[in-house]
Protein backbone atom coordinates (compact mmCIF):
# COMPACT_ATOMS: atom_id res chain seq x y z
CA MET A 1 84.98 -75.03 17.65
CA VAL A 2 82.73 -71.98 17.63
CA ALA A 3 81.58 -72.49 14.05
CA GLU A 4 80.71 -76.16 14.69
CA LYS A 5 78.70 -75.28 17.83
CA ASN A 6 77.98 -77.39 20.86
CA PRO A 7 76.49 -80.74 19.80
CA VAL A 8 74.31 -81.00 22.94
CA VAL A 9 70.70 -79.98 22.28
CA ALA A 10 69.32 -80.94 25.67
CA SER A 11 66.73 -79.62 28.04
CA LYS A 12 66.06 -80.08 31.72
CA VAL A 13 62.49 -80.63 32.87
CA TRP A 14 61.27 -80.54 36.43
CA ALA A 15 58.00 -82.30 37.16
CA ARG A 16 55.97 -81.91 40.30
CA VAL A 17 54.20 -85.21 40.84
CA ARG A 18 51.37 -85.98 43.23
CA GLY A 19 52.38 -87.45 46.58
CA GLU A 20 55.70 -88.38 48.10
CA VAL A 21 57.19 -90.86 45.64
CA GLU A 22 59.88 -93.21 46.92
CA PRO A 23 63.30 -91.89 45.78
CA PHE A 24 64.45 -93.36 42.46
CA THR A 25 66.85 -92.82 39.58
CA GLY A 26 66.22 -94.04 36.04
CA TYR A 27 67.91 -94.04 32.65
CA ALA A 28 66.64 -94.64 29.13
CA PRO A 29 68.46 -94.83 25.78
CA VAL A 30 68.87 -91.66 23.75
CA GLY A 31 66.62 -91.72 20.70
CA LYS A 32 64.29 -94.34 22.17
CA HIS A 33 62.76 -92.29 24.97
CA PRO A 34 62.28 -88.53 25.36
CA ILE A 35 63.58 -88.57 28.96
CA ASN A 36 67.07 -90.05 29.24
CA ALA A 37 67.80 -89.55 32.93
CA VAL A 38 65.35 -88.99 35.76
CA ARG A 39 65.61 -88.78 39.54
CA THR A 40 63.72 -87.55 42.54
CA GLU A 41 65.03 -84.22 43.80
CA ARG A 42 63.01 -83.38 46.93
CA TYR A 43 59.61 -83.26 48.52
CA HIS A 44 57.51 -80.11 48.41
CA LYS A 45 54.21 -79.59 50.22
CA GLY A 46 53.31 -83.27 50.09
CA ASP A 47 54.39 -83.75 46.46
CA THR A 48 57.66 -84.85 44.85
CA LEU A 49 59.88 -82.79 42.55
CA ILE A 50 61.50 -84.88 39.84
CA MET A 51 64.33 -83.74 37.58
CA CYS A 52 64.42 -85.07 34.01
CA ILE A 53 67.24 -84.71 31.48
CA CYS A 54 66.16 -84.86 27.85
CA SER A 55 69.08 -85.28 25.46
CA ASP A 56 67.00 -83.87 22.62
CA ALA A 57 64.94 -80.83 23.64
CA ALA A 58 62.70 -81.37 20.61
CA ALA A 59 61.72 -84.88 21.78
CA ILE A 60 59.21 -83.65 24.37
CA ARG A 61 57.24 -80.49 25.05
CA ALA A 62 58.16 -79.67 28.61
CA ASP A 63 55.11 -77.43 29.04
CA ASP A 64 52.78 -80.31 28.12
CA LYS A 65 52.04 -82.09 31.43
CA GLU A 66 50.40 -85.02 29.63
CA SER A 67 53.51 -85.65 27.49
CA VAL A 68 55.78 -85.49 30.52
CA GLN A 69 53.43 -87.78 32.46
CA THR A 70 53.33 -90.31 29.61
CA ALA A 71 57.14 -90.34 29.45
CA LEU A 72 57.52 -90.63 33.24
CA ARG A 73 55.07 -93.54 33.34
CA LYS A 74 57.68 -95.65 31.54
CA PHE A 75 59.64 -95.35 34.80
CA ILE A 76 56.75 -95.34 37.32
CA PRO A 77 53.45 -96.55 35.80
CA ASP A 78 50.99 -94.73 38.07
CA ILE A 79 52.80 -91.39 38.44
CA GLU A 80 50.65 -88.26 38.16
CA VAL A 81 52.24 -85.01 36.97
CA VAL A 82 50.78 -81.93 38.65
CA ASP A 83 52.98 -79.27 37.04
CA THR A 84 56.15 -78.82 35.00
CA ALA A 85 58.91 -76.28 34.57
CA SER A 86 61.87 -76.43 32.23
CA HIS A 87 64.96 -74.80 30.85
CA SER A 88 65.98 -75.30 27.24
CA TRP A 89 69.74 -75.00 26.97
CA VAL A 90 69.32 -74.86 23.19
CA GLU A 91 67.24 -71.68 23.42
CA ASP A 92 69.37 -70.12 26.18
CA GLU A 93 70.95 -67.02 24.62
CA PHE A 94 74.20 -67.53 26.52
CA SER A 95 74.80 -71.29 26.25
CA LYS A 96 73.23 -72.08 22.84
CA GLY A 97 73.27 -75.73 23.89
CA GLY A 98 73.72 -77.99 26.89
CA TRP A 99 76.73 -79.05 28.86
CA MET A 100 79.94 -79.23 26.89
CA MET A 101 80.59 -82.27 24.74
CA HIS A 102 83.59 -81.94 22.46
CA ARG A 103 83.30 -82.97 18.84
CA PRO A 104 86.13 -85.13 17.44
CA GLY A 105 89.38 -83.17 17.39
CA HIS A 106 88.23 -80.39 19.73
CA MET A 107 90.07 -81.68 22.81
CA THR A 108 93.41 -81.87 21.03
CA GLY A 109 92.84 -78.86 18.80
CA GLY A 110 90.57 -76.05 19.92
CA ALA A 111 90.51 -76.76 23.67
CA ALA A 112 94.30 -77.12 23.80
CA HIS A 113 94.65 -73.79 21.98
CA ILE A 114 92.24 -72.07 24.38
CA ARG A 115 94.17 -73.45 27.39
CA GLN A 116 97.33 -71.67 26.19
CA GLY A 117 97.86 -68.13 27.39
CA HIS A 118 96.92 -65.44 24.90
CA GLY A 119 98.93 -62.39 25.83
CA ARG A 120 97.61 -61.27 29.20
CA ILE A 121 94.46 -63.35 28.90
CA ARG A 122 94.05 -66.83 30.41
CA PHE A 123 91.05 -69.14 30.24
CA CYS A 124 90.09 -71.97 32.56
CA GLY A 125 87.08 -74.11 33.30
CA SER A 126 85.80 -77.66 33.18
CA ASP A 127 84.87 -77.44 29.50
CA ILE A 128 88.48 -76.89 28.40
CA ALA A 129 90.24 -78.86 31.15
CA ALA A 130 93.03 -81.22 30.12
CA LEU A 131 91.61 -83.91 32.44
CA GLU A 132 88.12 -84.64 33.78
CA VAL A 133 86.36 -82.52 31.14
CA GLY A 134 82.92 -81.38 32.25
CA ALA A 135 83.46 -82.31 35.90
CA ILE A 136 84.24 -80.24 38.98
CA GLU A 137 87.65 -81.95 39.14
CA GLY A 138 88.40 -80.60 35.66
CA ALA A 139 87.35 -77.11 36.70
CA MET A 140 89.62 -77.25 39.76
CA GLN A 141 92.57 -78.64 37.77
CA SER A 142 92.13 -76.03 35.06
CA GLY A 143 91.72 -73.18 37.56
CA ALA A 144 94.76 -74.27 39.57
CA SER A 145 96.86 -74.48 36.41
CA VAL A 146 95.86 -70.98 35.29
CA ALA A 147 96.43 -69.63 38.81
CA ARG A 148 99.98 -71.07 38.83
CA ASP A 149 100.72 -69.65 35.37
CA THR A 150 99.32 -66.24 36.30
CA SER A 151 101.25 -66.18 39.58
CA ALA A 152 104.49 -67.07 37.78
CA ALA A 153 103.88 -64.41 35.13
CA LEU A 154 103.12 -61.75 37.75
CA SER A 155 106.20 -62.74 39.73
CA ALA A 156 108.34 -62.47 36.59
CA ALA A 157 106.77 -59.09 35.78
CA ASN A 158 107.70 -57.82 39.24
CA LYS A 159 111.31 -58.85 38.54
CA GLY A 160 111.34 -56.88 35.32
CA SER A 161 110.86 -59.61 32.72
CA SER A 162 107.14 -59.62 31.99
CA HIS A 163 105.54 -62.78 30.62
CA LEU A 164 102.10 -61.16 30.59
């Protein structure tokens, strides 16, 4: 899994647009539009903050207001971008990519192996959950499972037969 890397090469762009735009959500096909999901987030000092998800960080320069405005005008024709901010998950030194998307075989191979205990070390989280991968429900299920396993191992250790 590590050698194949995370296949998500996304970025998140926030655009401050002039005026209070009516709340909206929009979607566009990957590969056909640089912004694939967009929604209003909140109002700020008379303007609107809009969050954009770009499946391919290379598809748009987030620091180029004109490019972001052109892309957003496919959703709202007269929108005016005042400023932008972004985070490139691809360039993030800790994530090296976006949210987790497993390549074929990772869920039944690598993720299943990571979910197993490794000596005294246990891993949990939504990215390696057995169900609801990538969602809060997966994180809770995974965390609860590891908590039960750890509790059982500690209980056994206190009785003299360590599983940790």
